[in-house]
Amino acid sequence: MVNGLASREVGGKKVILPVWHDVGFDDVRGYSPTLADRVAVSTNEGLERVVERLLLAMK
């Protein structure tokens, strides 16, 4: 599923902004190296930061 979404990212248009909750980079990399290579936001940064990044991604 992740690879299918990643393949939709053409021409610089991003369709994935991972939100990491209670996981770290090593956890994500162990599950999906493709997903770990993405720019992501962690809930450890606080809800305001997560919302800010999601809003930016949707523009």
PDB file of N, CA and C in Angstrom:
ATOM      1  N   MET A   1       0.816  -1.189   0.000  1.00  0.00           N
ATOM      2  CA  MET A   1       0.000   0.000   0.000  1.00  0.00           C
ATOM      3  C   MET A   1       0.863   1.257   0.000  1.00  0.00           C
ATOM      4  N   VAL A   2       1.886   1.295   0.842  1.00  0.00           N
ATOM      5  CA  VAL A   2       2.765   2.463   0.904  1.00  0.00           C
ATOM      6  C   VAL A   2       3.464   2.666  -0.426  1.00  0.00           C
ATOM      7  N   ASN A   3       3.942   1.587  -1.027  1.00  0.00           N
ATOM      8  CA  ASN A   3       4.622   1.720  -2.308  1.00  0.00           C
ATOM      9  C   ASN A   3       3.683   2.240  -3.389  1.00  0.00           C
ATOM     10  N   GLY A   4       2.418   1.837  -3.328  1.00  0.00           N
ATOM     11  CA  GLY A   4       1.433   2.334  -4.292  1.00  0.00           C
ATOM     12  C   GLY A   4       1.213   3.829  -4.145  1.00  0.00           C
ATOM     13  N   LEU A   5       1.125   4.292  -2.913  1.00  0.00           N
ATOM     14  CA  LEU A   5       0.979   5.733  -2.688  1.00  0.00           C
ATOM     15  C   LEU A   5       2.231   6.477  -3.106  1.00  0.00           C
ATOM     16  N   ALA A   6       3.389   5.917  -2.797  1.00  0.00           N
ATOM     17  CA  ALA A   6       4.647   6.558  -3.164  1.00  0.00           C
ATOM     18  C   ALA A   6       4.772   6.691  -4.674  1.00  0.00           C
ATOM     19  N   SER A   7       4.261   5.713  -5.409  1.00  0.00           N
ATOM     20  CA  SER A   7       4.348   5.773  -6.868  1.00  0.00           C
ATOM     21  C   SER A   7       3.461   6.879  -7.446  1.00  0.00           C
ATOM     22  N   ARG A   8       2.482   7.357  -6.673  1.00  0.00           N
ATOM     23  CA  ARG A   8       1.614   8.449  -7.132  1.00  0.00           C
ATOM     24  C   ARG A   8       2.298   9.800  -7.020  1.00  0.00           C
ATOM     25  N   GLU A   9       3.429   9.861  -6.309  1.00  0.00           N
ATOM     26  CA  GLU A   9       4.134  11.117  -6.128  1.00  0.00           C
ATOM     27  C   GLU A   9       5.008  11.403  -7.352  1.00  0.00           C
ATOM     28  N   VAL A  10       4.401  12.039  -8.320  1.00  0.00           N
ATOM     29  CA  VAL A  10       5.117  12.382  -9.542  1.00  0.00           C
ATOM     30  C   VAL A  10       5.137  13.892  -9.699  1.00  0.00           C
ATOM     31  N   GLY A  11       6.136  14.369 -10.351  1.00  0.00           N
ATOM     32  CA  GLY A  11       6.220  15.798 -10.600  1.00  0.00           C
ATOM     33  C   GLY A  11       6.355  16.626  -9.337  1.00  0.00           C
ATOM     34  N   GLY A  12       6.899  16.046  -8.287  1.00  0.00           N
ATOM     35  CA  GLY A  12       7.105  16.779  -7.047  1.00  0.00           C
ATOM     36  C   GLY A  12       5.887  16.904  -6.154  1.00  0.00           C
ATOM     37  N   LYS A  13       4.736  16.389  -6.593  1.00  0.00           N
ATOM     38  CA  LYS A  13       3.528  16.458  -5.773  1.00  0.00           C
ATOM     39  C   LYS A  13       3.546  15.360  -4.728  1.00  0.00           C
ATOM     40  N   LYS A  14       3.458  15.732  -3.463  1.00  0.00           N
ATOM     41  CA  LYS A  14       3.489  14.776  -2.366  1.00  0.00           C
ATOM     42  C   LYS A  14       2.065  14.373  -1.998  1.00  0.00           C
ATOM     43  N   VAL A  15       1.879  13.082  -1.754  1.00  0.00           N
ATOM     44  CA  VAL A  15       0.568  12.595  -1.321  1.00  0.00           C
ATOM     45  C   VAL A  15       0.653  11.915   0.038  1.00  0.00           C
ATOM     46  N   ILE A  16       1.873  11.812   0.579  1.00  0.00           N
ATOM     47  CA  ILE A  16       2.060  11.152   1.864  1.00  0.00           C
ATOM     48  C   ILE A  16       2.777  12.102   2.821  1.00  0.00           C
ATOM     49  N   LEU A  17       2.201  12.296   3.984  1.00  0.00           N
ATOM     50  CA  LEU A  17       2.907  12.941   5.096  1.00  0.00           C
ATOM     51  C   LEU A  17       2.700  12.025   6.293  1.00  0.00           C
ATOM     52  N   PRO A  18       3.678  11.170   6.542  1.00  0.00           N
ATOM     53  CA  PRO A  18       3.528  10.260   7.676  1.00  0.00           C
ATOM     54  C   PRO A  18       3.458  11.014   8.997  1.00  0.00           C
ATOM     55  N   VAL A  19       2.572  10.573   9.842  1.00  0.00           N
ATOM     56  CA  VAL A  19       2.480  11.072  11.213  1.00  0.00           C
ATOM     57  C   VAL A  19       2.877   9.905  12.099  1.00  0.00           C
ATOM     58  N   TRP A  20       4.009  10.058  12.769  1.00  0.00           N
ATOM     59  CA  TRP A  20       4.525   9.003  13.623  1.00  0.00           C
ATOM     60  C   TRP A  20       4.003   9.192  15.031  1.00  0.00           C
ATOM     61  N   HIS A  21       3.385   8.169  15.583  1.00  0.00           N
ATOM     62  CA  HIS A  21       2.858   8.219  16.951  1.00  0.00           C
ATOM     63  C   HIS A  21       3.431   7.048  17.742  1.00  0.00           C
ATOM     64  N   ASP A  22       4.174   7.376  18.763  1.00  0.00           N
ATOM     65  CA  ASP A  22       4.802   6.368  19.625  1.00  0.00           C
ATOM     66  C   ASP A  22       5.731   5.423  18.869  1.00  0.00           C
ATOM     67  N   VAL A  23       6.338   5.908  17.797  1.00  0.00           N
ATOM     68  CA  VAL A  23       7.353   5.148  17.072  1.00  0.00           C
ATOM     69  C   VAL A  23       8.498   6.085  16.722  1.00  0.00           C
ATOM     70  N   GLY A  24       9.648   5.506  16.488  1.00  0.00           N
ATOM     71  CA  GLY A  24      10.810   6.276  16.073  1.00  0.00           C
ATOM     72  C   GLY A  24      11.261   5.857  14.693  1.00  0.00           C
ATOM     73  N   PHE A  25      12.330   6.482  14.219  1.00  0.00           N
ATOM     74  CA  PHE A  25      12.841   6.213  12.882  1.00  0.00           C
ATOM     75  C   PHE A  25      13.172   4.730  12.689  1.00  0.00           C
ATOM     76  N   ASP A  26      13.865   4.143  13.663  1.00  0.00           N
ATOM     77  CA  ASP A  26      14.249   2.731  13.531  1.00  0.00           C
ATOM     78  C   ASP A  26      13.031   1.818  13.452  1.00  0.00           C
ATOM     79  N   ASP A  27      11.975   2.137  14.197  1.00  0.00           N
ATOM     80  CA  ASP A  27      10.738   1.348  14.132  1.00  0.00           C
ATOM     81  C   ASP A  27      10.137   1.412  12.733  1.00  0.00           C
ATOM     82  N   VAL A  28      10.060   2.616  12.200  1.00  0.00           N
ATOM     83  CA  VAL A  28       9.456   2.807  10.880  1.00  0.00           C
ATOM     84  C   VAL A  28      10.322   2.157   9.808  1.00  0.00           C
ATOM     85  N   ARG A  29      11.634   2.338   9.902  1.00  0.00           N
ATOM     86  CA  ARG A  29      12.537   1.739   8.914  1.00  0.00           C
ATOM     87  C   ARG A  29      12.419   0.220   8.916  1.00  0.00           C
ATOM     88  N   GLY A  30      12.255  -0.380  10.086  1.00  0.00           N
ATOM     89  CA  GLY A  30      12.089  -1.825  10.169  1.00  0.00           C
ATOM     90  C   GLY A  30      10.805  -2.303   9.519  1.00  0.00           C
ATOM     91  N   TYR A  31       9.791  -1.465   9.515  1.00  0.00           N
ATOM     92  CA  TYR A  31       8.505  -1.806   8.910  1.00  0.00           C
ATOM     93  C   TYR A  31       8.497  -1.516   7.413  1.00  0.00           C
ATOM     94  N   SER A  32       8.980  -0.294   7.061  1.00  0.00           N
ATOM     95  CA  SER A  32       8.936   0.131   5.667  1.00  0.00           C
ATOM     96  C   SER A  32      10.044   1.139   5.377  1.00  0.00           C
ATOM     97  N   PRO A  33      11.136   0.697   4.762  1.00  0.00           N
ATOM     98  CA  PRO A  33      12.208   1.642   4.410  1.00  0.00           C
ATOM     99  C   PRO A  33      11.715   2.788   3.522  1.00  0.00           C
ATOM    100  N   THR A  34      10.742   2.499   2.661  1.00  0.00           N
ATOM    101  CA  THR A  34      10.179   3.542   1.793  1.00  0.00           C
ATOM    102  C   THR A  34       9.515   4.637   2.623  1.00  0.00           C
ATOM    103  N   LEU A  35       8.780   4.241   3.625  1.00  0.00           N
ATOM    104  CA  LEU A  35       8.098   5.196   4.483  1.00  0.00           C
ATOM    105  C   LEU A  35       9.094   5.966   5.360  1.00  0.00           C
ATOM    106  N   ALA A  36      10.135   5.286   5.812  1.00  0.00           N
ATOM    107  CA  ALA A  36      11.140   5.921   6.673  1.00  0.00           C
ATOM    108  C   ALA A  36      11.914   6.999   5.927  1.00  0.00           C
ATOM    109  N   ASP A  37      11.955   6.897   4.610  1.00  0.00           N
ATOM    110  CA  ASP A  37      12.700   7.854   3.790  1.00  0.00           C
ATOM    111  C   ASP A  37      11.909   9.133   3.522  1.00  0.00           C
ATOM    112  N   ARG A  38      10.695   9.206   4.003  1.00  0.00           N
ATOM    113  CA  ARG A  38       9.833  10.369   3.781  1.00  0.00           C
ATOM    114  C   ARG A  38       9.999  11.418   4.871  1.00  0.00           C
ATOM    115  N   VAL A  39       9.696  12.640   4.514  1.00  0.00           N
ATOM    116  CA  VAL A  39       9.583  13.686   5.530  1.00  0.00           C
ATOM    117  C   VAL A  39       8.351  13.347   6.345  1.00  0.00           C
ATOM    118  N   ALA A  40       8.472  13.394   7.652  1.00  0.00           N
ATOM    119  CA  ALA A  40       7.365  13.012   8.531  1.00  0.00           C
ATOM    120  C   ALA A  40       7.278  13.990   9.692  1.00  0.00           C
ATOM    121  N   VAL A  41       6.201  13.891  10.415  1.00  0.00           N
ATOM    122  CA  VAL A  41       6.036  14.676  11.637  1.00  0.00           C
ATOM    123  C   VAL A  41       5.683  13.695  12.755  1.00  0.00           C
ATOM    124  N   SER A  42       6.254  13.953  13.912  1.00  0.00           N
ATOM    125  CA  SER A  42       6.028  13.076  15.055  1.00  0.00           C
ATOM    126  C   SER A  42       5.090  13.748  16.045  1.00  0.00           C
ATOM    127  N   THR A  43       4.201  12.947  16.623  1.00  0.00           N
ATOM    128  CA  THR A  43       3.310  13.512  17.632  1.00  0.00           C
ATOM    129  C   THR A  43       4.083  13.953  18.868  1.00  0.00           C
ATOM    130  N   ASN A  44       5.331  13.517  18.994  1.00  0.00           N
ATOM    131  CA  ASN A  44       6.181  13.994  20.089  1.00  0.00           C
ATOM    132  C   ASN A  44       6.455  15.485  19.982  1.00  0.00           C
ATOM    133  N   GLU A  45       6.266  16.056  18.786  1.00  0.00           N
ATOM    134  CA  GLU A  45       6.476  17.486  18.560  1.00  0.00           C
ATOM    135  C   GLU A  45       5.270  18.318  18.994  1.00  0.00           C
ATOM    136  N   GLY A  46       4.185  17.647  19.354  1.00  0.00           N
ATOM    137  CA  GLY A  46       2.982  18.343  19.808  1.00  0.00           C
ATOM    138  C   GLY A  46       1.937  18.437  18.719  1.00  0.00           C
ATOM    139  N   LEU A  47       0.694  18.510  19.140  1.00  0.00           N
ATOM    140  CA  LEU A  47      -0.432  18.537  18.213  1.00  0.00           C
ATOM    141  C   LEU A  47      -0.397  19.754  17.297  1.00  0.00           C
ATOM    142  N   GLU A  48      -0.019  20.917  17.834  1.00  0.00           N
ATOM    143  CA  GLU A  48       0.023  22.119  16.993  1.00  0.00           C
ATOM    144  C   GLU A  48       0.982  21.939  15.823  1.00  0.00           C
ATOM    145  N   ARG A  49       2.133  21.336  16.075  1.00  0.00           N
ATOM    146  CA  ARG A  49       3.121  21.106  15.014  1.00  0.00           C
ATOM    147  C   ARG A  49       2.592  20.105  13.987  1.00  0.00           C
ATOM    148  N   VAL A  50       1.927  19.061  14.446  1.00  0.00           N
ATOM    149  CA  VAL A  50       1.360  18.074  13.528  1.00  0.00           C
ATOM    150  C   VAL A  50       0.331  18.739  12.616  1.00  0.00           C
ATOM    151  N   VAL A  51      -0.562  19.521  13.198  1.00  0.00           N
ATOM    152  CA  VAL A  51      -1.590  20.209  12.409  1.00  0.00           C
ATOM    153  C   VAL A  51      -0.942  21.187  11.429  1.00  0.00           C
ATOM    154  N   GLU A  52       0.055  21.911  11.875  1.00  0.00           N
ATOM    155  CA  GLU A  52       0.756  22.862  11.012  1.00  0.00           C
ATOM    156  C   GLU A  52       1.352  22.160   9.799  1.00  0.00           C
ATOM    157  N   ARG A  53       2.021  21.031  10.037  1.00  0.00           N
ATOM    158  CA  ARG A  53       2.646  20.289   8.924  1.00  0.00           C
ATOM    159  C   ARG A  53       1.591  19.702   7.984  1.00  0.00           C
ATOM    160  N   LEU A  54       0.486  19.212   8.538  1.00  0.00           N
ATOM    161  CA  LEU A  54      -0.577  18.681   7.692  1.00  0.00           C
ATOM    162  C   LEU A  54      -1.185  19.773   6.826  1.00  0.00           C
ATOM    163  N   LEU A  55      -1.414  20.927   7.388  1.00  0.00           N
ATOM    164  CA  LEU A  55      -1.972  22.047   6.616  1.00  0.00           C
ATOM    165  C   LEU A  55      -1.025  22.463   5.505  1.00  0.00           C
ATOM    166  N   LEU A  56       0.260  22.512   5.806  1.00  0.00           N
ATOM    167  CA  LEU A  56       1.247  22.851   4.773  1.00  0.00           C
ATOM    168  C   LEU A  56       1.257  21.808   3.654  1.00  0.00           C
ATOM    169  N   ALA A  57       1.138  20.549   4.033  1.00  0.00           N
ATOM    170  CA  ALA A  57       1.158  19.477   3.048  1.00  0.00           C
ATOM    171  C   ALA A  57      -0.058  19.498   2.139  1.00  0.00           C
ATOM    172  N   MET A  58      -1.174  20.009   2.622  1.00  0.00           N
ATOM    173  CA  MET A  58      -2.404  20.027   1.844  1.00  0.00           C
ATOM    174  C   MET A  58      -2.495  21.196   0.876  1.00  0.00           C
ATOM    175  N   LYS A  59      -1.584  22.116   0.949  1.00  0.00           N
ATOM    176  CA  LYS A  59      -1.630  23.278   0.036  1.00  0.00           C
ATOM    177  C   LYS A  59      -1.248  22.890  -1.355  1.00  0.00           C
TER     178      LYS A  59
END
